[in-house]
């Protein structure tokens, strides 16, 4: 699907679907063009410093406050929110799941969410949740709003269309999309679709500082895309569903709320093609930290410690001399939720497949399986192009707690720990 976008990260944008719909030189004129209503959407407190102050002005057919009934609580039992602690007696460990199946019955996007882990506390705007989505039906009259979190979409199987208040984004495997907290969206698919979602309860995603890397490489701002204004003028029943502090509420509308004819501002949805990520690495020896593969980071009050990092492991050259090239064995103060979009992951070539998941919580040891260790330890170290692979990680400073669904799923691999059982003692006592 060919859509129009504006480019850049963290920019102020303006766009209109009808000529002269945006007021000039002001935000809230006495009367807006076309009989529109002006409405501000604030993503930060009014008094936040200019560098982090976020808001957009929307010019819509009806203000979003117009709905026909009260909010009624509804249930989506498989979509969980932190704190979600001690919901099962599952033991601590390293875990891995096979891909979850696509639904056999007609299933819309919200019904197709299954949360795997939660961390932190949504009530204090700290932590995250990691879920999978799998759905096969587009429901044209259901609009969803997540008041709890910024939402990061990572499609794995087939493309999805995100029709937001501020325009449309068509996102395919190998791409990501981010919706700001509180953004209305209708999610649809052309074919049965599956992927991953990270709900970021904390400070919004931004680009990581590059430090000594300098001005270029990693994710460059010019490659991020924001949709242009697109609207529906539909006068028929819609259902608005909002997620708020872990509960779900619905109300009826007599129209589509995706009726923003024009907008300007910097509180925006955006998407990004991961093939434009320019990785950097060792060109002499040793294996650099995986932080060099950070695409987006949601910071905390502690410098360099993320509420969530999005880290990817893309196609790249490996050239380091006298170096064990796959990820090393390690224990980490951060917790790692990992998925595979396509191809094969070099640290675990068996058992971790596209659509699968692994979870290595804080301070639990992990690393290459026995086969990967032996192969890498004895390989001839010529330059090698690592191709046909895209793995990613949601990494957080908080412990990630399993949901009851995840701990009981038949896709959970009971034998995952055995991938390290064949690691041999090589110690000889001699150099």
Protein backbone atom coordinates (compact mmCIF):
# COMPACT_ATOMS: atom_id res chain seq x y z
CA UNK A 1 0.00 0.00 0.00
CA UNK A 2 1.44 3.34 -1.09
CA UNK A 3 0.94 6.10 1.46
CA UNK A 4 2.32 9.60 1.81
CA UNK A 5 4.53 10.54 4.76
CA UNK A 6 6.57 13.40 6.18
CA UNK A 7 10.15 12.64 7.26
CA UNK A 8 12.23 13.37 10.34
CA UNK A 9 12.38 12.50 14.05
CA UNK A 10 11.24 14.91 16.76
CA UNK A 11 10.16 17.54 14.26
CA UNK A 12 7.22 19.92 14.33
CA UNK A 13 4.97 18.98 11.41
CA UNK A 14 1.92 20.47 9.77
CA UNK A 15 -0.44 18.80 7.33
CA UNK A 16 -3.95 19.26 5.97
CA UNK A 17 -6.22 16.98 3.98
CA UNK A 18 -8.29 19.94 2.70
CA UNK A 19 -6.78 23.24 1.51
CA UNK A 20 -6.57 26.01 4.11
CA UNK A 21 -7.91 23.79 6.90
CA UNK A 22 -5.00 24.83 9.14
CA UNK A 23 -5.32 28.27 10.70
CA UNK A 24 -2.36 30.56 9.99
CA UNK A 25 -0.40 32.18 12.79
CA UNK A 26 -2.64 30.92 15.60
CA UNK A 27 -3.93 27.69 17.14
CA UNK A 28 -7.50 28.43 18.23
CA UNK A 29 -9.34 30.92 16.04
CA UNK A 30 -12.83 32.02 16.95
CA UNK A 31 -14.14 30.01 14.01
CA UNK A 32 -12.12 27.30 12.27
CA UNK A 33 -12.26 26.71 8.53
CA UNK A 34 -14.86 24.22 7.24
CA UNK A 35 -16.68 24.41 10.60
CA UNK A 36 -13.99 22.32 12.28
CA UNK A 37 -13.24 22.16 16.00
CA UNK A 38 -9.78 22.91 17.38
CA UNK A 39 -8.51 20.43 19.97
CA UNK A 40 -5.11 20.16 21.61
CA UNK A 41 -3.56 16.78 22.39
CA UNK A 42 -0.83 17.19 25.05
CA UNK A 43 1.85 14.57 25.53
CA UNK A 44 3.67 16.49 28.27
CA UNK A 45 2.72 18.88 31.06
CA UNK A 46 2.16 22.42 29.83
CA UNK A 47 5.18 23.65 31.78
CA UNK A 48 7.65 21.01 30.54
CA UNK A 49 10.88 22.50 29.13
CA UNK A 50 10.69 23.40 25.48
CA UNK A 51 13.10 20.60 24.53
CA UNK A 52 10.67 17.94 25.82
CA UNK A 53 7.35 19.77 25.51
CA UNK A 54 5.03 17.85 23.22
CA UNK A 55 1.63 18.76 21.90
CA UNK A 56 -0.34 18.73 18.67
CA UNK A 57 -3.31 20.78 17.57
CA UNK A 58 -6.00 18.79 15.78
CA UNK A 59 -8.73 20.31 13.60
CA UNK A 60 -11.54 17.82 13.57
CA UNK A 61 -15.15 17.45 12.46
CA UNK A 62 -16.29 16.83 16.06
CA UNK A 63 -14.38 17.18 19.32
CA UNK A 64 -13.34 13.83 20.78
CA UNK A 65 -15.43 14.47 23.91
CA UNK A 66 -18.60 13.78 21.92
CA UNK A 67 -19.83 10.28 22.60
CA UNK A 68 -23.34 8.98 23.13
CA UNK A 69 -23.06 7.11 26.43
CA UNK A 70 -21.07 6.55 29.58
CA UNK A 71 -17.92 4.46 29.65
CA UNK A 72 -18.78 0.87 30.53
CA UNK A 73 -16.16 -1.50 31.83
CA UNK A 74 -15.36 -4.40 29.53
CA UNK A 75 -12.93 -7.32 29.68
CA UNK A 76 -10.00 -8.44 27.56
CA UNK A 77 -8.64 -11.16 29.85
CA UNK A 78 -5.44 -11.90 27.95
CA UNK A 79 -4.19 -8.29 27.79
CA UNK A 80 -2.43 -7.66 31.11
CA UNK A 81 -0.87 -4.61 32.75
CA UNK A 82 1.75 -4.12 35.48
CA UNK A 83 1.73 -4.61 38.38
CA UNK A 84 0.85 -8.20 37.58
CA UNK A 85 2.96 -9.98 40.19
CA UNK A 86 2.58 -13.43 41.77
CA UNK A 87 -0.23 -14.47 39.44
CA UNK A 88 1.23 -17.96 39.23
CA UNK A 89 3.74 -20.15 41.02
CA UNK A 90 5.92 -20.62 37.95
CA UNK A 91 9.59 -21.05 38.90
CA UNK A 92 12.29 -18.57 37.97
CA UNK A 93 14.28 -19.46 34.89
CA UNK A 94 15.29 -18.78 31.32
CA UNK A 95 12.34 -19.27 28.99
CA UNK A 96 11.61 -19.65 25.32
CA UNK A 97 8.37 -20.00 23.35
CA UNK A 98 7.53 -21.34 19.92
CA UNK A 99 5.49 -19.02 17.69
CA UNK A 100 1.90 -18.59 18.79
CA UNK A 101 -0.62 -19.72 16.16
CA UNK A 102 -2.78 -17.46 14.06
CA UNK A 103 -6.43 -17.62 15.16
CA UNK A 104 -8.77 -20.05 13.42
CA UNK A 105 -11.93 -18.11 14.20
CA UNK A 106 -12.57 -14.53 13.17
CA UNK A 107 -10.55 -12.38 15.56
CA UNK A 108 -10.06 -8.63 15.64
CA UNK A 109 -6.92 -6.86 16.80
CA UNK A 110 -7.84 -6.22 20.45
CA UNK A 111 -9.15 -9.76 20.96
CA UNK A 112 -5.91 -11.07 19.45
CA UNK A 113 -3.57 -9.60 22.09
CA UNK A 114 -1.78 -12.00 24.44
CA UNK A 115 0.51 -10.42 27.05
CA UNK A 116 3.67 -12.39 27.85
CA UNK A 117 5.42 -10.21 30.45
CA UNK A 118 4.74 -7.11 32.52
CA UNK A 119 7.12 -4.97 34.55
CA UNK A 120 6.99 -1.90 36.75
CA UNK A 121 3.74 -0.13 37.60
CA UNK A 122 1.46 1.60 35.12
CA UNK A 123 0.12 3.82 37.90
CA UNK A 124 3.51 5.46 38.36
CA UNK A 125 4.37 5.63 34.63
CA UNK A 126 7.23 3.15 35.06
CA UNK A 127 7.95 -0.10 33.25
CA UNK A 128 6.53 -1.88 30.23
CA UNK A 129 4.61 -4.88 28.96
CA UNK A 130 5.49 -7.21 26.10
CA UNK A 131 2.71 -8.88 24.12
CA UNK A 132 2.06 -10.69 20.89
CA UNK A 133 -0.81 -9.90 18.56
CA UNK A 134 -2.43 -12.35 16.14
CA UNK A 135 -5.60 -11.41 14.28
CA UNK A 136 -7.33 -12.06 10.98
CA UNK A 137 -10.29 -9.67 10.82
CA UNK A 138 -10.49 -5.93 10.26
CA UNK A 139 -13.29 -4.37 12.29
CA UNK A 140 -14.11 -1.01 10.73
CA UNK A 141 -16.14 0.46 13.58
CA UNK A 142 -13.90 -0.22 16.60
CA UNK A 143 -11.46 2.50 17.64
CA UNK A 144 -8.84 1.84 20.33
CA UNK A 145 -7.05 4.28 22.64
CA UNK A 146 -4.24 3.29 25.00
CA UNK A 147 -4.10 5.81 27.85
CA UNK A 148 -1.58 3.64 29.70
CA UNK A 149 1.30 3.54 27.30
CA UNK A 150 3.09 4.47 24.16
CA UNK A 151 2.77 1.47 21.83
CA UNK A 152 5.59 0.04 19.71
CA UNK A 153 4.50 -2.37 16.95
CA UNK A 154 6.93 -4.94 15.47
CA UNK A 155 5.14 -6.92 12.71
CA UNK A 156 6.46 -10.44 12.08
CA UNK A 157 3.90 -12.00 9.75
CA UNK A 158 2.12 -9.88 7.13
CA UNK A 159 1.45 -6.15 7.18
CA UNK A 160 -0.95 -4.08 9.25
CA UNK A 161 -2.62 -0.72 8.62
CA UNK A 162 -2.69 1.73 11.52
CA UNK A 163 -5.31 4.40 10.82
CA UNK A 164 -4.66 6.97 13.53
CA UNK A 165 -6.28 10.31 14.26
CA UNK A 166 -3.34 11.93 12.49
CA UNK A 167 -3.17 9.72 9.41
CA UNK A 168 -2.42 6.24 8.11
CA UNK A 169 0.69 4.07 8.46
CA UNK A 170 1.14 0.79 6.59
CA UNK A 171 3.70 -1.28 8.48
CA UNK A 172 5.29 -4.50 7.24
CA UNK A 173 7.69 -7.08 8.73
CA UNK A 174 11.08 -5.39 8.96
CA UNK A 175 9.46 -2.10 9.95
CA UNK A 176 8.23 -0.67 13.26
CA UNK A 177 5.59 1.85 14.23
CA UNK A 178 5.11 3.91 17.40
CA UNK A 179 1.81 5.38 18.59
CA UNK A 180 1.94 8.01 21.35
CA UNK A 181 -0.01 7.50 24.56
CA UNK A 182 -3.67 8.45 24.10
CA UNK A 183 -3.73 8.24 20.29
CA UNK A 184 -6.92 6.83 18.74
CA UNK A 185 -6.29 4.09 16.18
CA UNK A 186 -8.08 1.53 14.05
CA UNK A 187 -5.93 -1.53 13.32
CA UNK A 188 -6.66 -3.61 10.23
CA UNK A 189 -5.04 -6.32 8.12
CA UNK A 190 -5.30 -7.68 4.59
CA UNK A 191 -4.14 -11.18 5.59
CA UNK A 192 -3.91 -12.97 8.94
CA UNK A 193 -1.20 -11.07 10.80
CA UNK A 194 1.08 -11.61 13.76
CA UNK A 195 3.68 -9.54 15.56
CA UNK A 196 4.94 -8.10 18.81
CA UNK A 197 3.88 -5.07 20.87
CA UNK A 198 5.77 -3.21 23.55
CA UNK A 199 3.72 -0.96 25.83
CA UNK A 200 6.02 1.71 27.23
CA UNK A 201 4.54 3.12 30.44
CA UNK A 202 7.39 5.57 31.02
CA UNK A 203 9.05 8.47 29.24
CA UNK A 204 8.48 8.32 25.50
CA UNK A 205 10.86 6.70 23.07
CA UNK A 206 13.60 8.86 21.65
CA UNK A 207 16.80 8.33 19.71
CA UNK A 208 19.76 7.28 21.86
CA UNK A 209 22.74 9.57 22.24
CA UNK A 210 25.57 8.42 19.99
CA UNK A 211 28.45 9.51 22.21
CA UNK A 212 31.83 8.82 20.56
CA UNK A 213 30.05 7.43 17.48
CA UNK A 214 29.32 11.05 16.55
CA UNK A 215 26.76 12.56 14.25
CA UNK A 216 25.93 9.62 11.95
CA UNK A 217 24.95 5.93 11.86
CA UNK A 218 22.58 3.88 13.98
CA UNK A 219 19.03 5.20 13.32
CA UNK A 220 19.21 8.50 11.46
CA UNK A 221 16.39 11.02 12.05
CA UNK A 222 15.67 11.56 8.35
CA UNK A 223 14.50 7.95 7.93
CA UNK A 224 11.56 8.21 10.34
CA UNK A 225 8.18 8.83 8.75
CA UNK A 226 5.05 10.55 10.07
CA UNK A 227 1.68 10.25 8.32
CA UNK A 228 -0.08 13.11 6.57
CA UNK A 229 -3.61 14.08 7.56
CA UNK A 230 -6.32 11.65 6.52
CA UNK A 231 -9.87 11.54 7.85
CA UNK A 232 -13.18 9.71 7.83
CA UNK A 233 -16.50 11.56 7.61
CA UNK A 234 -18.73 8.64 8.58
CA UNK A 235 -22.02 9.04 10.44
CA UNK A 236 -22.66 5.55 11.73
CA UNK A 237 -22.24 3.68 14.99
CA UNK A 238 -18.68 3.21 16.27
CA UNK A 239 -17.34 1.69 19.48
CA UNK A 240 -14.56 3.50 21.30
CA UNK A 241 -12.46 1.29 23.61
CA UNK A 242 -9.95 2.84 25.99
CA UNK A 243 -7.31 1.09 28.12
CA UNK A 244 -6.79 3.00 31.37
CA UNK A 245 -4.72 1.79 34.36
CA UNK A 246 -4.97 -1.79 33.15
CA UNK A 247 -8.76 -1.84 32.75
CA UNK A 248 -10.79 -1.50 29.58
CA UNK A 249 -13.81 0.73 29.02
CA UNK A 250 -16.06 1.21 26.03
CA UNK A 251 -18.56 3.76 24.85
CA UNK A 252 -20.64 4.30 21.74
CA UNK A 253 -20.22 7.01 19.14
CA UNK A 254 -22.61 7.97 16.36
CA UNK A 255 -19.67 8.73 14.03
CA UNK A 256 -16.06 7.86 13.31
CA UNK A 257 -13.69 9.77 15.62
CA UNK A 258 -10.93 9.51 13.01
CA UNK A 259 -12.12 12.85 11.68
CA UNK A 260 -9.04 15.06 11.95
CA UNK A 261 -8.90 17.10 8.74
CA UNK A 262 -5.68 18.92 9.60
CA UNK A 263 -3.10 19.04 12.36
CA UNK A 264 0.20 20.52 13.42
CA UNK A 265 2.59 19.72 16.26
CA UNK A 266 5.21 17.29 17.55
CA UNK A 267 3.14 14.75 19.52
CA UNK A 268 2.87 12.30 16.67
CA UNK A 269 2.79 8.70 15.47
CA UNK A 270 5.69 7.52 13.33
CA UNK A 271 7.16 4.50 11.58
CA UNK A 272 10.64 3.38 10.57
CA UNK A 273 12.14 0.80 8.22
CA UNK A 274 14.78 -1.15 10.12
CA UNK A 275 16.80 -1.76 6.96
CA UNK A 276 17.95 1.87 7.23
CA UNK A 277 19.57 1.23 10.61
CA UNK A 278 23.32 1.63 10.07
CA UNK A 279 25.11 -0.68 12.52
CA UNK A 280 28.60 -0.01 13.81
CA UNK A 281 30.91 -2.67 15.20
CA UNK A 282 34.41 -3.90 15.88
CA UNK A 283 36.79 -3.78 12.91
CA UNK A 284 39.80 -5.12 14.78
CA UNK A 285 39.01 -7.37 17.76
CA UNK A 286 36.54 -8.05 20.60
CA UNK A 287 32.78 -8.07 20.65
CA UNK A 288 31.17 -4.70 21.45
CA UNK A 289 28.22 -4.33 23.80
CA UNK A 290 24.78 -4.88 22.20
CA UNK A 291 23.85 -1.30 23.11
CA UNK A 292 25.42 -0.27 19.78
CA UNK A 293 22.31 -1.78 18.16
CA UNK A 294 19.83 0.45 20.02
CA UNK A 295 17.22 1.95 17.70
CA UNK A 296 15.03 3.71 20.29
CA UNK A 297 15.32 4.29 24.02
CA UNK A 298 12.84 5.39 26.68
CA UNK A 299 15.02 6.97 29.38
CA UNK A 300 14.64 7.06 33.16
CA UNK A 301 15.93 9.50 35.75
CA UNK A 302 19.16 7.43 35.88
CA UNK A 303 21.46 8.32 32.99
CA UNK A 304 22.07 5.42 30.64
CA UNK A 305 19.43 3.22 32.28
CA UNK A 306 16.36 2.66 30.16
CA UNK A 307 12.73 2.12 30.99
CA UNK A 308 12.76 0.33 27.62
CA UNK A 309 15.33 -0.02 24.86
CA UNK A 310 14.49 -1.34 21.41
CA UNK A 311 17.61 -3.18 20.27
CA UNK A 312 17.90 -5.00 16.94
CA UNK A 313 20.35 -7.52 15.50
CA UNK A 314 20.23 -6.88 11.75
CA UNK A 315 22.21 -8.05 8.76
CA UNK A 316 25.84 -6.97 9.13
CA UNK A 317 29.47 -7.85 8.53
CA UNK A 318 31.50 -9.69 11.19
CA UNK A 319 35.25 -9.10 10.77
CA UNK A 320 36.77 -9.09 14.28
CA UNK A 321 40.09 -10.96 14.53
CA UNK A 322 40.87 -13.53 17.24
CA UNK A 323 37.40 -12.94 18.66
CA UNK A 324 34.46 -15.07 19.72
CA UNK A 325 31.95 -13.36 17.46
CA UNK A 326 28.47 -14.36 18.71
CA UNK A 327 27.11 -12.70 21.85
CA UNK A 328 29.15 -13.76 24.84
CA UNK A 329 27.89 -15.53 27.93
CA UNK A 330 26.68 -12.96 30.41
CA UNK A 331 24.44 -11.93 33.27
CA UNK A 332 22.76 -8.57 33.05
CA UNK A 333 21.11 -6.10 35.41
CA UNK A 334 18.62 -5.44 32.58
CA UNK A 335 15.85 -7.87 31.61
CA UNK A 336 15.66 -9.04 28.01
CA UNK A 337 12.54 -9.99 26.02
CA UNK A 338 13.64 -11.15 22.58
CA UNK A 339 11.82 -11.93 19.33
CA UNK A 340 12.77 -12.94 15.81
CA UNK A 341 11.17 -11.30 12.78
CA UNK A 342 12.86 -13.42 10.15
CA UNK A 343 15.88 -15.64 9.50
CA UNK A 344 18.15 -17.21 12.09
CA UNK A 345 19.75 -15.79 15.23
CA UNK A 346 23.47 -16.52 15.38
CA UNK A 347 23.66 -17.28 19.12
CA UNK A 348 20.92 -19.93 18.99
CA UNK A 349 20.49 -21.35 15.49
CA UNK A 350 18.09 -24.07 16.67
CA UNK A 351 14.82 -23.66 18.55
CA UNK A 352 14.49 -19.89 18.19
CA UNK A 353 12.42 -19.27 15.07
CA UNK A 354 10.50 -16.34 13.53
CA UNK A 355 7.54 -15.47 15.73
CA UNK A 356 9.22 -17.06 18.75
CA UNK A 357 10.13 -15.43 22.05
CA UNK A 358 12.86 -15.77 24.65
CA UNK A 359 13.01 -14.20 28.10
CA UNK A 360 16.19 -13.74 30.14
CA UNK A 361 15.42 -11.84 33.31
CA UNK A 362 17.86 -9.75 35.29
CA UNK A 363 20.97 -11.55 36.54
CA UNK A 364 19.98 -14.91 35.02
CA UNK A 365 22.89 -16.32 32.95
CA UNK A 366 22.45 -16.88 29.25
CA UNK A 367 24.41 -16.97 26.02
CA UNK A 368 25.17 -19.16 23.00
CA UNK A 369 24.04 -22.75 22.98
CA UNK A 370 26.61 -25.54 22.81
CA UNK A 371 26.48 -25.87 19.03
CA UNK A 372 26.93 -22.13 18.45
CA UNK A 373 29.83 -22.03 20.93
CA UNK A 374 31.70 -24.89 19.27
CA UNK A 375 31.17 -23.52 15.79
CA UNK A 376 32.27 -20.00 16.68
CA UNK A 377 35.25 -21.20 18.71
CA UNK A 378 36.66 -23.18 15.79
CA UNK A 379 35.60 -21.11 12.79
CA UNK A 380 38.11 -19.69 10.37
CA UNK A 381 37.88 -15.98 11.08
CA UNK A 382 37.42 -14.51 7.66
CA UNK A 383 35.07 -11.58 7.04
CA UNK A 384 31.53 -12.98 7.11
CA UNK A 385 28.30 -11.30 6.04
CA UNK A 386 25.51 -12.20 8.46
CA UNK A 387 22.45 -12.21 6.18
CA UNK A 388 18.73 -12.96 6.27
CA UNK A 389 18.29 -12.18 9.95
CA UNK A 390 16.39 -9.66 12.05
CA UNK A 391 16.09 -10.26 15.76
CA UNK A 392 15.08 -7.64 18.33
CA UNK A 393 15.01 -7.10 22.07
CA UNK A 394 12.80 -5.14 24.46
CA UNK A 395 15.25 -4.47 27.29
CA UNK A 396 14.21 -2.87 30.58
CA UNK A 397 15.71 -2.11 33.98
CA UNK A 398 12.67 -3.73 35.62
CA UNK A 399 12.12 -7.46 36.23
CA UNK A 400 9.68 -8.91 33.72
CA UNK A 401 6.95 -11.02 35.32
CA UNK A 402 5.32 -13.80 33.33
CA UNK A 403 1.58 -13.71 32.83
CA UNK A 404 -0.47 -16.76 33.69
CA UNK A 405 -1.16 -17.21 29.98
CA UNK A 406 2.54 -17.26 29.10
CA UNK A 407 3.41 -19.71 31.88
CA UNK A 408 0.70 -22.16 30.83
CA UNK A 409 1.00 -21.83 27.04
CA UNK A 410 1.70 -25.05 25.16
CA UNK A 411 4.20 -23.05 23.09
CA UNK A 412 6.51 -22.76 26.11
CA UNK A 413 9.55 -24.94 25.45
CA UNK A 414 10.04 -27.28 28.40
CA UNK A 415 13.51 -28.25 27.20
CA UNK A 416 14.97 -24.78 26.57
CA UNK A 417 17.53 -25.10 29.38
CA UNK A 418 18.92 -28.19 27.65
CA UNK A 419 20.43 -26.08 24.87
CA UNK A 420 23.31 -25.46 27.29
CA UNK A 421 23.52 -29.04 28.65
CA UNK A 422 26.14 -30.17 26.11
CA UNK A 423 28.60 -27.41 26.99
CA UNK A 424 31.82 -29.25 27.80
CA UNK A 425 34.53 -28.69 30.36
CA UNK A 426 37.54 -27.62 28.29
CA UNK A 427 39.82 -26.75 31.19
CA UNK A 428 43.24 -28.48 30.96
CA UNK A 429 45.27 -26.58 33.49
CA UNK A 430 47.70 -25.76 30.72
CA UNK A 431 48.04 -22.73 28.42
